Amino acid sequence: MARVDHAAILAALREGESQNAVARRLGCSPGSVNRVARMNGIECHSIQKRPDAAATYSLERRLALLDKVFARAEALVDAAATPHQLQALAIALGVLIDKRRLEDGDVTQRTEVGGGGARERLAQKLDELAVRRAATAAS
């Protein structure tokens, strides 16, 4: 490999470009990039070897993305012209809030305690309606 290529590889790696990206851009193998890096005292790690760094980076990116979407959703609240649009926005906001709370380590699960929960009340109402319909149909 020519000395110019070595310099280009080293410059790219020092700027934070990945081995694979450098190899693709310069038209050489990732092994060649790794070899040049090692010869010059640059230690390159794959993301699989650095799960803690990858997780931190991913968390930062996820939080930034959630913040962007929250800002966009806030701008859309006044623009929701139809009930369908408002419903879609409400569902999206609910998911966003849940995901943000999950990222922040908050509890995201609701647990109903005791009898008479919403499901039981709904089932009771449906049973009452079914009885009324049956009585109306019989008369």
Protein backbone atom coordinates (compact mmCIF):
# COMPACT_ATOMS: atom_id res chain seq x y z
CA MET A 1 0.00 0.00 0.00
CA ALA A 2 1.35 3.42 -0.91
CA ARG A 3 2.41 5.89 1.79
CA VAL A 4 -0.34 8.29 0.68
CA ASP A 5 -2.92 5.62 1.44
CA HIS A 6 -1.44 5.13 4.91
CA ALA A 7 -1.76 8.84 5.59
CA ALA A 8 -5.37 8.89 4.35
CA ILE A 9 -6.26 5.90 6.50
CA LEU A 10 -4.64 7.37 9.59
CA ALA A 11 -6.28 10.76 9.07
CA ALA A 12 -9.72 9.18 8.66
CA LEU A 13 -9.33 6.97 11.72
CA ARG A 14 -8.12 9.88 13.85
CA GLU A 15 -11.21 11.85 12.80
CA GLY A 16 -13.38 9.01 14.10
CA GLU A 17 -14.34 7.27 10.87
CA SER A 18 -14.89 3.52 11.27
CA GLN A 19 -12.53 0.96 9.77
CA ASN A 20 -15.21 -0.32 7.42
CA ALA A 21 -16.14 3.18 6.26
CA VAL A 22 -12.48 4.00 5.57
CA ALA A 23 -12.02 0.71 3.68
CA ARG A 24 -15.09 1.33 1.52
CA ARG A 25 -14.14 4.93 0.78
CA LEU A 26 -10.51 4.16 -0.08
CA GLY A 27 -11.20 0.88 -1.88
CA CYS A 28 -9.19 -1.44 0.37
CA SER A 29 -10.03 -4.21 2.81
CA PRO A 30 -10.94 -3.58 6.46
CA GLY A 31 -8.01 -5.84 7.38
CA SER A 32 -5.62 -3.49 5.59
CA VAL A 33 -7.06 -0.53 7.47
CA ASN A 34 -6.72 -2.43 10.74
CA ARG A 35 -3.13 -3.39 9.93
CA VAL A 36 -2.16 0.23 9.16
CA ALA A 37 -3.87 1.37 12.35
CA ARG A 38 -2.03 -1.21 14.51
CA MET A 39 1.33 -0.37 12.86
CA ASN A 40 0.79 3.24 13.91
CA GLY A 41 -0.43 2.58 17.44
CA ILE A 42 -4.13 3.12 16.83
CA GLU A 43 -6.27 0.48 18.47
CA CYS A 44 -9.62 -0.05 16.77
CA HIS A 45 -12.47 -1.93 18.42
CA SER A 46 -15.63 -3.23 16.93
CA ILE A 47 -18.90 -2.23 18.58
CA GLN A 48 -19.37 -5.86 19.65
CA LYS A 49 -16.26 -5.51 21.82
CA ARG A 50 -17.55 -2.29 23.38
CA PRO A 51 -21.16 -2.96 24.37
CA ASP A 52 -21.13 -0.33 27.12
CA ALA A 53 -20.00 2.43 24.76
CA ALA A 54 -22.49 1.35 22.12
CA ALA A 55 -25.33 1.30 24.65
CA THR A 56 -24.48 4.78 25.93
CA TYR A 57 -24.27 6.16 22.41
CA SER A 58 -27.53 4.51 21.47
CA LEU A 59 -29.25 5.89 24.57
CA GLU A 60 -28.09 9.42 23.76
CA ARG A 61 -29.31 9.11 20.17
CA ARG A 62 -32.65 7.61 21.25
CA LEU A 63 -33.23 10.41 23.76
CA ALA A 64 -32.33 13.07 21.19
CA LEU A 65 -34.69 11.50 18.67
CA LEU A 66 -37.50 11.32 21.23
CA ASP A 67 -36.96 15.01 22.04
CA LYS A 68 -37.18 15.90 18.34
CA VAL A 69 -40.39 13.93 17.89
CA PHE A 70 -41.91 15.49 21.01
CA ALA A 71 -41.17 18.95 19.62
CA ARG A 72 -42.74 18.03 16.29
CA ALA A 73 -45.79 16.49 17.97
CA GLU A 74 -46.26 19.62 20.07
CA ALA A 75 -46.34 21.68 16.88
CA LEU A 76 -48.93 19.30 15.38
CA VAL A 77 -51.39 19.51 18.29
CA ASP A 78 -52.99 22.71 17.02
CA ALA A 79 -52.86 21.48 13.42
CA ALA A 80 -54.98 18.37 14.07
CA ALA A 81 -58.13 19.32 12.14
CA THR A 82 -60.13 16.10 12.22
CA PRO A 83 -60.98 13.66 15.00
CA HIS A 84 -58.99 11.00 13.15
CA GLN A 85 -55.87 13.21 13.11
CA LEU A 86 -56.30 14.01 16.78
CA GLN A 87 -56.70 10.32 17.60
CA ALA A 88 -53.55 9.40 15.66
CA LEU A 89 -51.62 12.17 17.39
CA ALA A 90 -52.90 11.09 20.82
CA ILE A 91 -51.79 7.50 20.18
CA ALA A 92 -48.37 8.66 18.98
CA LEU A 93 -47.96 10.89 22.04
CA GLY A 94 -48.94 8.03 24.33
CA VAL A 95 -46.31 5.79 22.78
CA LEU A 96 -43.71 8.57 22.93
CA ILE A 97 -44.42 9.27 26.59
CA ASP A 98 -44.23 5.57 27.38
CA LYS A 99 -40.92 5.18 25.55
CA ARG A 100 -39.42 8.27 27.17
CA ARG A 101 -40.47 7.07 30.62
CA LEU A 102 -38.95 3.68 29.82
CA GLU A 103 -35.65 5.32 28.78
CA ASP A 104 -35.70 7.37 32.00
CA GLY A 105 -36.16 4.20 34.04
CA ASP A 106 -39.70 5.03 35.19
CA VAL A 107 -42.43 2.44 35.53
CA THR A 108 -44.39 2.11 32.31
CA GLN A 109 -46.84 -0.58 33.32
CA ARG A 110 -50.18 0.06 34.99
CA THR A 111 -51.48 -2.54 37.38
CA GLU A 112 -55.09 -2.54 38.51
CA VAL A 113 -55.65 -3.57 42.10
CA GLY A 114 -58.87 -5.09 43.43
CA GLY A 115 -62.14 -5.93 41.74
CA GLY A 116 -64.30 -3.60 39.72
CA GLY A 117 -61.58 -2.60 37.28
CA ALA A 118 -62.35 -1.06 33.93
CA ARG A 119 -62.40 -4.42 32.15
CA GLU A 120 -64.83 -5.91 34.63
CA ARG A 121 -67.13 -2.86 34.40
CA LEU A 122 -67.05 -2.99 30.61
CA ALA A 123 -67.84 -6.71 30.61
CA GLN A 124 -70.74 -6.09 33.00
CA LYS A 125 -72.16 -3.33 30.75
CA LEU A 126 -71.88 -5.54 27.69
CA ASP A 127 -73.71 -8.32 29.50
CA GLU A 128 -76.47 -5.88 30.52
CA LEU A 129 -76.82 -4.70 26.91
CA ALA A 130 -77.01 -8.27 25.66
CA VAL A 131 -79.82 -9.02 28.15
CA ARG A 132 -81.73 -5.88 27.06
CA ARG A 133 -81.39 -6.77 23.38
CA ALA A 134 -82.56 -10.31 24.03
CA ALA A 135 -85.58 -8.98 25.97
CA THR A 136 -86.39 -6.47 23.22
CA ALA A 137 -86.11 -9.12 20.51
CA ALA A 138 -88.36 -11.50 22.49
CA SER A 139 -91.17 -8.95 22.81
